[in-house]
Amino acid sequence: MKLIQYFTAIFIIAIITIILLADIRILPVSMFSLFGLPYGDKIGHFFLMGSLAFLLNICLKNRKISVVAMDIFLGSLIAGIFETLEEFSQSFFPTRTASIIDLAASYLGILIIGNLSSKVRKEYINGMGK
């Protein structure tokens, strides 16, 4: 379990680094090639935020909290709040564009990939006696 926690911390640092580099317009050229693909930016949002939710859910042992009479994975909620704030913050940078479509792609990734954590945790992590 410690290995997953370390990997999650590194993943969070990587996401924050990508955001900061995008904010000051010094992303590596290789990152811009992703944006050249059709819907590349949306695919990136889907997988980055979905993977963040997945990892946070695993680390938090798929803990759920009740929000508006719905049980939601805490890690998915944290990822959703983080992405909402990040997308909103783009409004303050002249080189960035806040996008409801990017936010929707992120939410979809959080919902789909984040929810896979319960199956993975049940079958693999609990099965290993952790």
N, C-alpha and C. Protein backbone atom coordinates (compact mmCIF):
# COMPACT_ATOMS: atom_id res chain seq x y z
N MET A 1 0.83 -1.19 0.00
CA MET A 1 0.00 0.00 0.00
C MET A 1 0.88 1.26 0.00
N LYS A 2 2.02 1.19 0.67
CA LYS A 2 2.92 2.35 0.70
C LYS A 2 3.38 2.75 -0.69
N LEU A 3 3.64 1.75 -1.53
CA LEU A 3 4.09 2.03 -2.89
C LEU A 3 3.03 2.84 -3.65
N ILE A 4 1.78 2.48 -3.50
CA ILE A 4 0.69 3.21 -4.16
C ILE A 4 0.62 4.64 -3.61
N GLN A 5 0.82 4.81 -2.33
CA GLN A 5 0.80 6.15 -1.74
C GLN A 5 1.94 7.00 -2.29
N TYR A 6 3.12 6.44 -2.41
CA TYR A 6 4.24 7.18 -2.99
C TYR A 6 3.97 7.53 -4.45
N PHE A 7 3.46 6.58 -5.20
CA PHE A 7 3.16 6.82 -6.60
C PHE A 7 2.10 7.92 -6.74
N THR A 8 1.09 7.90 -5.87
CA THR A 8 0.04 8.92 -5.88
C THR A 8 0.64 10.30 -5.60
N ALA A 9 1.53 10.39 -4.63
CA ALA A 9 2.17 11.67 -4.31
C ALA A 9 2.97 12.18 -5.51
N ILE A 10 3.70 11.31 -6.16
CA ILE A 10 4.48 11.70 -7.35
C ILE A 10 3.54 12.13 -8.47
N PHE A 11 2.43 11.43 -8.64
CA PHE A 11 1.45 11.76 -9.68
C PHE A 11 0.86 13.15 -9.42
N ILE A 12 0.54 13.44 -8.17
CA ILE A 12 0.00 14.76 -7.82
C ILE A 12 1.02 15.85 -8.11
N ILE A 13 2.26 15.62 -7.76
CA ILE A 13 3.33 16.59 -8.04
C ILE A 13 3.46 16.79 -9.55
N ALA A 14 3.36 15.71 -10.32
CA ALA A 14 3.46 15.82 -11.78
C ALA A 14 2.30 16.65 -12.34
N ILE A 15 1.09 16.42 -11.87
CA ILE A 15 -0.07 17.19 -12.34
C ILE A 15 0.09 18.67 -12.00
N ILE A 16 0.51 18.95 -10.78
CA ILE A 16 0.70 20.35 -10.38
C ILE A 16 1.80 21.00 -11.22
N THR A 17 2.85 20.26 -11.52
CA THR A 17 3.93 20.77 -12.36
C THR A 17 3.41 21.08 -13.76
N ILE A 18 2.62 20.19 -14.34
CA ILE A 18 2.03 20.42 -15.66
C ILE A 18 1.17 21.68 -15.66
N ILE A 19 0.36 21.84 -14.62
CA ILE A 19 -0.51 23.01 -14.52
C ILE A 19 0.32 24.29 -14.44
N LEU A 20 1.33 24.28 -13.58
CA LEU A 20 2.17 25.48 -13.44
C LEU A 20 2.91 25.82 -14.73
N LEU A 21 3.44 24.80 -15.40
CA LEU A 21 4.14 25.04 -16.66
C LEU A 21 3.18 25.56 -17.73
N ALA A 22 1.95 25.06 -17.72
CA ALA A 22 0.96 25.56 -18.68
C ALA A 22 0.58 27.00 -18.36
N ASP A 23 0.48 27.31 -17.07
CA ASP A 23 0.12 28.67 -16.66
C ASP A 23 1.15 29.70 -17.11
N ILE A 24 2.42 29.30 -17.09
CA ILE A 24 3.47 30.27 -17.49
C ILE A 24 3.97 30.01 -18.91
N ARG A 25 3.27 29.15 -19.63
CA ARG A 25 3.53 28.88 -21.05
C ARG A 25 4.91 28.29 -21.34
N ILE A 26 5.37 27.39 -20.52
CA ILE A 26 6.66 26.74 -20.82
C ILE A 26 6.53 25.21 -20.77
N LEU A 27 5.39 24.71 -21.22
CA LEU A 27 5.23 23.26 -21.32
C LEU A 27 6.20 22.73 -22.37
N PRO A 28 6.77 21.55 -22.16
CA PRO A 28 7.65 20.95 -23.17
C PRO A 28 6.90 20.74 -24.50
N VAL A 29 7.62 20.79 -25.58
CA VAL A 29 7.04 20.62 -26.91
C VAL A 29 6.29 19.30 -27.01
N SER A 30 6.79 18.26 -26.37
CA SER A 30 6.12 16.95 -26.43
C SER A 30 4.70 17.01 -25.88
N MET A 31 4.46 17.88 -24.90
CA MET A 31 3.11 18.02 -24.35
C MET A 31 2.17 18.67 -25.37
N PHE A 32 2.70 19.61 -26.15
CA PHE A 32 1.87 20.28 -27.14
C PHE A 32 1.46 19.34 -28.27
N SER A 33 2.23 18.30 -28.52
CA SER A 33 1.86 17.35 -29.57
C SER A 33 0.57 16.63 -29.20
N LEU A 34 0.33 16.42 -27.92
CA LEU A 34 -0.93 15.81 -27.47
C LEU A 34 -2.11 16.70 -27.85
N PHE A 35 -1.93 18.01 -27.69
CA PHE A 35 -3.01 18.94 -28.00
C PHE A 35 -3.31 18.99 -29.50
N GLY A 36 -2.35 18.58 -30.33
CA GLY A 36 -2.54 18.57 -31.77
C GLY A 36 -3.44 17.45 -32.25
N LEU A 37 -3.59 16.41 -31.44
CA LEU A 37 -4.48 15.30 -31.78
C LEU A 37 -5.93 15.76 -31.69
N PRO A 38 -6.81 15.19 -32.48
CA PRO A 38 -8.23 15.53 -32.33
C PRO A 38 -8.69 15.20 -30.91
N TYR A 39 -9.22 16.17 -30.23
CA TYR A 39 -9.71 16.03 -28.85
C TYR A 39 -8.60 15.64 -27.87
N GLY A 40 -7.34 15.88 -28.23
CA GLY A 40 -6.22 15.50 -27.37
C GLY A 40 -6.29 16.12 -25.99
N ASP A 41 -6.67 17.38 -25.93
CA ASP A 41 -6.78 18.07 -24.64
C ASP A 41 -7.86 17.41 -23.78
N LYS A 42 -8.98 17.07 -24.39
CA LYS A 42 -10.09 16.44 -23.65
C LYS A 42 -9.69 15.05 -23.17
N ILE A 43 -9.00 14.31 -24.02
CA ILE A 43 -8.52 12.98 -23.64
C ILE A 43 -7.54 13.09 -22.47
N GLY A 44 -6.67 14.09 -22.52
CA GLY A 44 -5.74 14.33 -21.42
C GLY A 44 -6.46 14.62 -20.12
N HIS A 45 -7.48 15.48 -20.17
CA HIS A 45 -8.28 15.78 -18.98
C HIS A 45 -8.93 14.51 -18.43
N PHE A 46 -9.53 13.73 -19.32
CA PHE A 46 -10.22 12.51 -18.92
C PHE A 46 -9.28 11.57 -18.17
N PHE A 47 -8.11 11.29 -18.77
CA PHE A 47 -7.19 10.32 -18.16
C PHE A 47 -6.43 10.87 -16.95
N LEU A 48 -6.01 12.13 -17.00
CA LEU A 48 -5.28 12.68 -15.86
C LEU A 48 -6.16 12.75 -14.61
N MET A 49 -7.33 13.35 -14.74
CA MET A 49 -8.20 13.50 -13.57
C MET A 49 -8.82 12.17 -13.16
N GLY A 50 -9.12 11.31 -14.13
CA GLY A 50 -9.63 9.99 -13.80
C GLY A 50 -8.60 9.16 -13.04
N SER A 51 -7.35 9.25 -13.49
CA SER A 51 -6.27 8.52 -12.81
C SER A 51 -6.02 9.09 -11.42
N LEU A 52 -6.12 10.41 -11.29
CA LEU A 52 -5.96 11.02 -9.97
C LEU A 52 -7.05 10.51 -9.02
N ALA A 53 -8.29 10.51 -9.47
CA ALA A 53 -9.40 10.01 -8.64
C ALA A 53 -9.19 8.55 -8.28
N PHE A 54 -8.78 7.75 -9.25
CA PHE A 54 -8.53 6.32 -9.02
C PHE A 54 -7.48 6.13 -7.91
N LEU A 55 -6.36 6.82 -8.05
CA LEU A 55 -5.27 6.67 -7.07
C LEU A 55 -5.68 7.18 -5.69
N LEU A 56 -6.37 8.32 -5.65
CA LEU A 56 -6.82 8.84 -4.36
C LEU A 56 -7.82 7.88 -3.71
N ASN A 57 -8.72 7.32 -4.50
CA ASN A 57 -9.69 6.37 -3.95
C ASN A 57 -8.99 5.15 -3.37
N ILE A 58 -7.99 4.63 -4.08
CA ILE A 58 -7.23 3.48 -3.57
C ILE A 58 -6.54 3.84 -2.26
N CYS A 59 -5.86 4.99 -2.24
CA CYS A 59 -5.15 5.41 -1.03
C CYS A 59 -6.09 5.64 0.15
N LEU A 60 -7.29 6.11 -0.13
CA LEU A 60 -8.26 6.38 0.92
C LEU A 60 -9.17 5.18 1.18
N LYS A 61 -8.76 4.03 0.66
CA LYS A 61 -9.46 2.76 0.86
C LYS A 61 -10.93 2.84 0.46
N ASN A 62 -11.17 3.54 -0.65
CA ASN A 62 -12.52 3.70 -1.20
C ASN A 62 -13.52 4.24 -0.20
N ARG A 63 -13.03 5.09 0.67
CA ARG A 63 -13.92 5.71 1.66
C ARG A 63 -14.94 6.58 0.94
N LYS A 64 -16.18 6.47 1.38
CA LYS A 64 -17.26 7.25 0.79
C LYS A 64 -17.81 8.23 1.81
N ILE A 65 -18.32 9.34 1.29
CA ILE A 65 -19.01 10.29 2.15
C ILE A 65 -20.35 10.61 1.48
N SER A 66 -21.29 11.03 2.28
CA SER A 66 -22.61 11.34 1.76
C SER A 66 -22.67 12.83 1.39
N VAL A 67 -23.00 13.10 0.14
CA VAL A 67 -23.14 14.46 -0.35
C VAL A 67 -24.49 14.55 -1.05
N VAL A 68 -25.35 15.41 -0.56
CA VAL A 68 -26.69 15.58 -1.12
C VAL A 68 -27.37 14.22 -1.30
N ALA A 69 -27.39 13.45 -0.25
CA ALA A 69 -28.04 12.14 -0.21
C ALA A 69 -27.46 11.12 -1.20
N MET A 70 -26.20 11.35 -1.63
CA MET A 70 -25.51 10.39 -2.50
C MET A 70 -24.19 10.02 -1.86
N ASP A 71 -23.85 8.74 -1.91
CA ASP A 71 -22.53 8.32 -1.43
C ASP A 71 -21.52 8.50 -2.55
N ILE A 72 -20.46 9.24 -2.27
CA ILE A 72 -19.44 9.55 -3.26
C ILE A 72 -18.09 9.15 -2.69
N PHE A 73 -17.23 8.57 -3.54
CA PHE A 73 -15.87 8.28 -3.11
C PHE A 73 -15.18 9.59 -2.74
N LEU A 74 -14.56 9.61 -1.58
CA LEU A 74 -13.88 10.81 -1.12
C LEU A 74 -12.76 11.23 -2.08
N GLY A 75 -12.00 10.28 -2.58
CA GLY A 75 -10.92 10.60 -3.52
C GLY A 75 -11.45 11.23 -4.80
N SER A 76 -12.58 10.75 -5.28
CA SER A 76 -13.20 11.32 -6.48
C SER A 76 -13.69 12.74 -6.20
N LEU A 77 -14.24 12.95 -5.02
CA LEU A 77 -14.69 14.29 -4.65
C LEU A 77 -13.51 15.26 -4.58
N ILE A 78 -12.42 14.83 -3.98
CA ILE A 78 -11.22 15.66 -3.89
C ILE A 78 -10.71 15.99 -5.29
N ALA A 79 -10.64 14.99 -6.16
CA ALA A 79 -10.17 15.21 -7.54
C ALA A 79 -11.11 16.17 -8.27
N GLY A 80 -12.41 16.03 -8.07
CA GLY A 80 -13.39 16.91 -8.71
C GLY A 80 -13.26 18.35 -8.24
N ILE A 81 -13.08 18.54 -6.95
CA ILE A 81 -12.91 19.90 -6.40
C ILE A 81 -11.61 20.50 -6.93
N PHE A 82 -10.54 19.71 -6.91
CA PHE A 82 -9.25 20.18 -7.42
C PHE A 82 -9.37 20.63 -8.87
N GLU A 83 -10.01 19.80 -9.71
CA GLU A 83 -10.13 20.13 -11.13
C GLU A 83 -11.03 21.34 -11.35
N THR A 84 -12.09 21.45 -10.58
CA THR A 84 -12.98 22.61 -10.70
C THR A 84 -12.21 23.89 -10.40
N LEU A 85 -11.45 23.89 -9.31
CA LEU A 85 -10.66 25.07 -8.95
C LEU A 85 -9.58 25.36 -9.99
N GLU A 86 -8.95 24.31 -10.51
CA GLU A 86 -7.90 24.50 -11.51
C GLU A 86 -8.47 25.08 -12.80
N GLU A 87 -9.59 24.56 -13.24
CA GLU A 87 -10.20 25.06 -14.47
C GLU A 87 -10.65 26.51 -14.29
N PHE A 88 -11.23 26.82 -13.13
CA PHE A 88 -11.65 28.19 -12.84
C PHE A 88 -10.44 29.13 -12.80
N SER A 89 -9.34 28.66 -12.24
CA SER A 89 -8.14 29.50 -12.12
C SER A 89 -7.59 29.93 -13.49
N GLN A 90 -7.90 29.16 -14.53
CA GLN A 90 -7.41 29.50 -15.86
C GLN A 90 -7.98 30.84 -16.34
N SER A 91 -9.09 31.27 -15.76
CA SER A 91 -9.69 32.56 -16.12
C SER A 91 -8.76 33.72 -15.79
N PHE A 92 -7.82 33.50 -14.89
CA PHE A 92 -6.94 34.57 -14.44
C PHE A 92 -5.62 34.64 -15.20
N PHE A 93 -5.44 33.74 -16.17
CA PHE A 93 -4.22 33.72 -16.96
C PHE A 93 -4.55 34.05 -18.41
N PRO A 94 -3.93 35.10 -18.95
CA PRO A 94 -4.26 35.48 -20.33
C PRO A 94 -3.89 34.42 -21.36
N THR A 95 -2.98 33.53 -21.02
CA THR A 95 -2.54 32.50 -21.95
C THR A 95 -3.35 31.21 -21.82
N ARG A 96 -4.30 31.18 -20.88
CA ARG A 96 -5.11 29.97 -20.66
C ARG A 96 -6.57 30.27 -20.94
N THR A 97 -7.34 29.22 -21.17
CA THR A 97 -8.76 29.38 -21.44
C THR A 97 -9.54 28.38 -20.59
N ALA A 98 -10.37 28.88 -19.70
CA ALA A 98 -11.24 27.99 -18.92
C ALA A 98 -12.29 27.42 -19.86
N SER A 99 -12.57 26.13 -19.72
CA SER A 99 -13.49 25.48 -20.65
C SER A 99 -14.42 24.52 -19.91
N ILE A 100 -15.70 24.69 -20.11
CA ILE A 100 -16.67 23.78 -19.52
C ILE A 100 -16.55 22.38 -20.13
N ILE A 101 -16.10 22.30 -21.38
CA ILE A 101 -15.91 21.00 -22.04
C ILE A 101 -14.73 20.26 -21.40
N ASP A 102 -13.64 20.98 -21.11
CA ASP A 102 -12.51 20.36 -20.41
C ASP A 102 -12.95 19.86 -19.04
N LEU A 103 -13.75 20.67 -18.35
CA LEU A 103 -14.23 20.29 -17.03
C LEU A 103 -15.12 19.05 -17.12
N ALA A 104 -15.97 19.00 -18.13
CA ALA A 104 -16.84 17.83 -18.33
C ALA A 104 -16.02 16.57 -18.62
N ALA A 105 -14.97 16.72 -19.44
CA ALA A 105 -14.10 15.57 -19.74
C ALA A 105 -13.42 15.09 -18.46
N SER A 106 -12.99 16.02 -17.62
CA SER A 106 -12.37 15.65 -16.35
C SER A 106 -13.36 14.92 -15.44
N TYR A 107 -14.57 15.48 -15.33
CA TYR A 107 -15.60 14.85 -14.49
C TYR A 107 -15.93 13.44 -14.99
N LEU A 108 -16.00 13.28 -16.30
CA LEU A 108 -16.29 11.97 -16.87
C LEU A 108 -15.18 10.97 -16.52
N GLY A 109 -13.92 11.41 -16.61
CA GLY A 109 -12.80 10.56 -16.23
C GLY A 109 -12.85 10.20 -14.76
N ILE A 110 -13.18 11.18 -13.92
CA ILE A 110 -13.29 10.95 -12.47
C ILE A 110 -14.38 9.92 -12.21
N LEU A 111 -15.49 10.06 -12.88
CA LEU A 111 -16.61 9.13 -12.68
C LEU A 111 -16.26 7.72 -13.15
N ILE A 112 -15.74 7.60 -14.35
CA ILE A 112 -15.50 6.27 -14.93
C ILE A 112 -14.24 5.61 -14.35
N ILE A 113 -13.10 6.28 -14.46
CA ILE A 113 -11.85 5.68 -13.98
C ILE A 113 -11.81 5.64 -12.45
N GLY A 114 -12.30 6.70 -11.83
CA GLY A 114 -12.32 6.74 -10.36
C GLY A 114 -13.12 5.60 -9.76
N ASN A 115 -14.24 5.26 -10.39
CA ASN A 115 -15.08 4.17 -9.86
C ASN A 115 -14.47 2.79 -10.05
N LEU A 116 -13.50 2.66 -10.95
CA LEU A 116 -12.82 1.37 -11.12
C LEU A 116 -12.04 0.98 -9.86
N SER A 117 -11.76 1.95 -9.02
CA SER A 117 -10.96 1.67 -7.82
C SER A 117 -11.64 0.67 -6.91
N SER A 118 -12.96 0.67 -6.86
CA SER A 118 -13.62 -0.26 -5.96
C SER A 118 -13.44 -1.70 -6.43
N LYS A 119 -13.50 -1.92 -7.73
CA LYS A 119 -13.29 -3.27 -8.28
C LYS A 119 -11.83 -3.70 -8.09
N VAL A 120 -10.91 -2.81 -8.39
CA VAL A 120 -9.48 -3.13 -8.26
C VAL A 120 -9.13 -3.40 -6.80
N ARG A 121 -9.61 -2.56 -5.93
CA ARG A 121 -9.29 -2.74 -4.51
C ARG A 121 -9.85 -4.06 -3.99
N LYS A 122 -11.08 -4.37 -4.38
CA LYS A 122 -11.71 -5.62 -3.94
C LYS A 122 -10.94 -6.83 -4.43
N GLU A 123 -10.61 -6.84 -5.71
CA GLU A 123 -10.04 -8.04 -6.32
C GLU A 123 -8.55 -8.20 -6.10
N TYR A 124 -7.81 -7.10 -6.07
CA TYR A 124 -6.35 -7.21 -6.03
C TYR A 124 -5.75 -6.84 -4.68
N ILE A 125 -6.09 -5.67 -4.21
CA ILE A 125 -5.45 -5.20 -2.99
C ILE A 125 -5.96 -5.96 -1.78
N ASN A 126 -7.27 -6.11 -1.63
CA ASN A 126 -7.80 -6.87 -0.50
C ASN A 126 -7.37 -8.33 -0.61
N GLY A 127 -7.28 -8.83 -1.83
CA GLY A 127 -6.87 -10.21 -2.06
C GLY A 127 -5.43 -10.49 -1.66
N MET A 128 -4.62 -9.42 -1.59
CA MET A 128 -3.22 -9.58 -1.18
C MET A 128 -3.07 -9.44 0.33
N GLY A 129 -4.22 -9.31 1.04
CA GLY A 129 -4.16 -9.23 2.49
C GLY A 129 -3.79 -7.84 2.98
N LYS A 130 -4.00 -6.83 2.19
CA LYS A 130 -3.65 -5.47 2.60
C LYS A 130 -4.89 -4.68 2.88
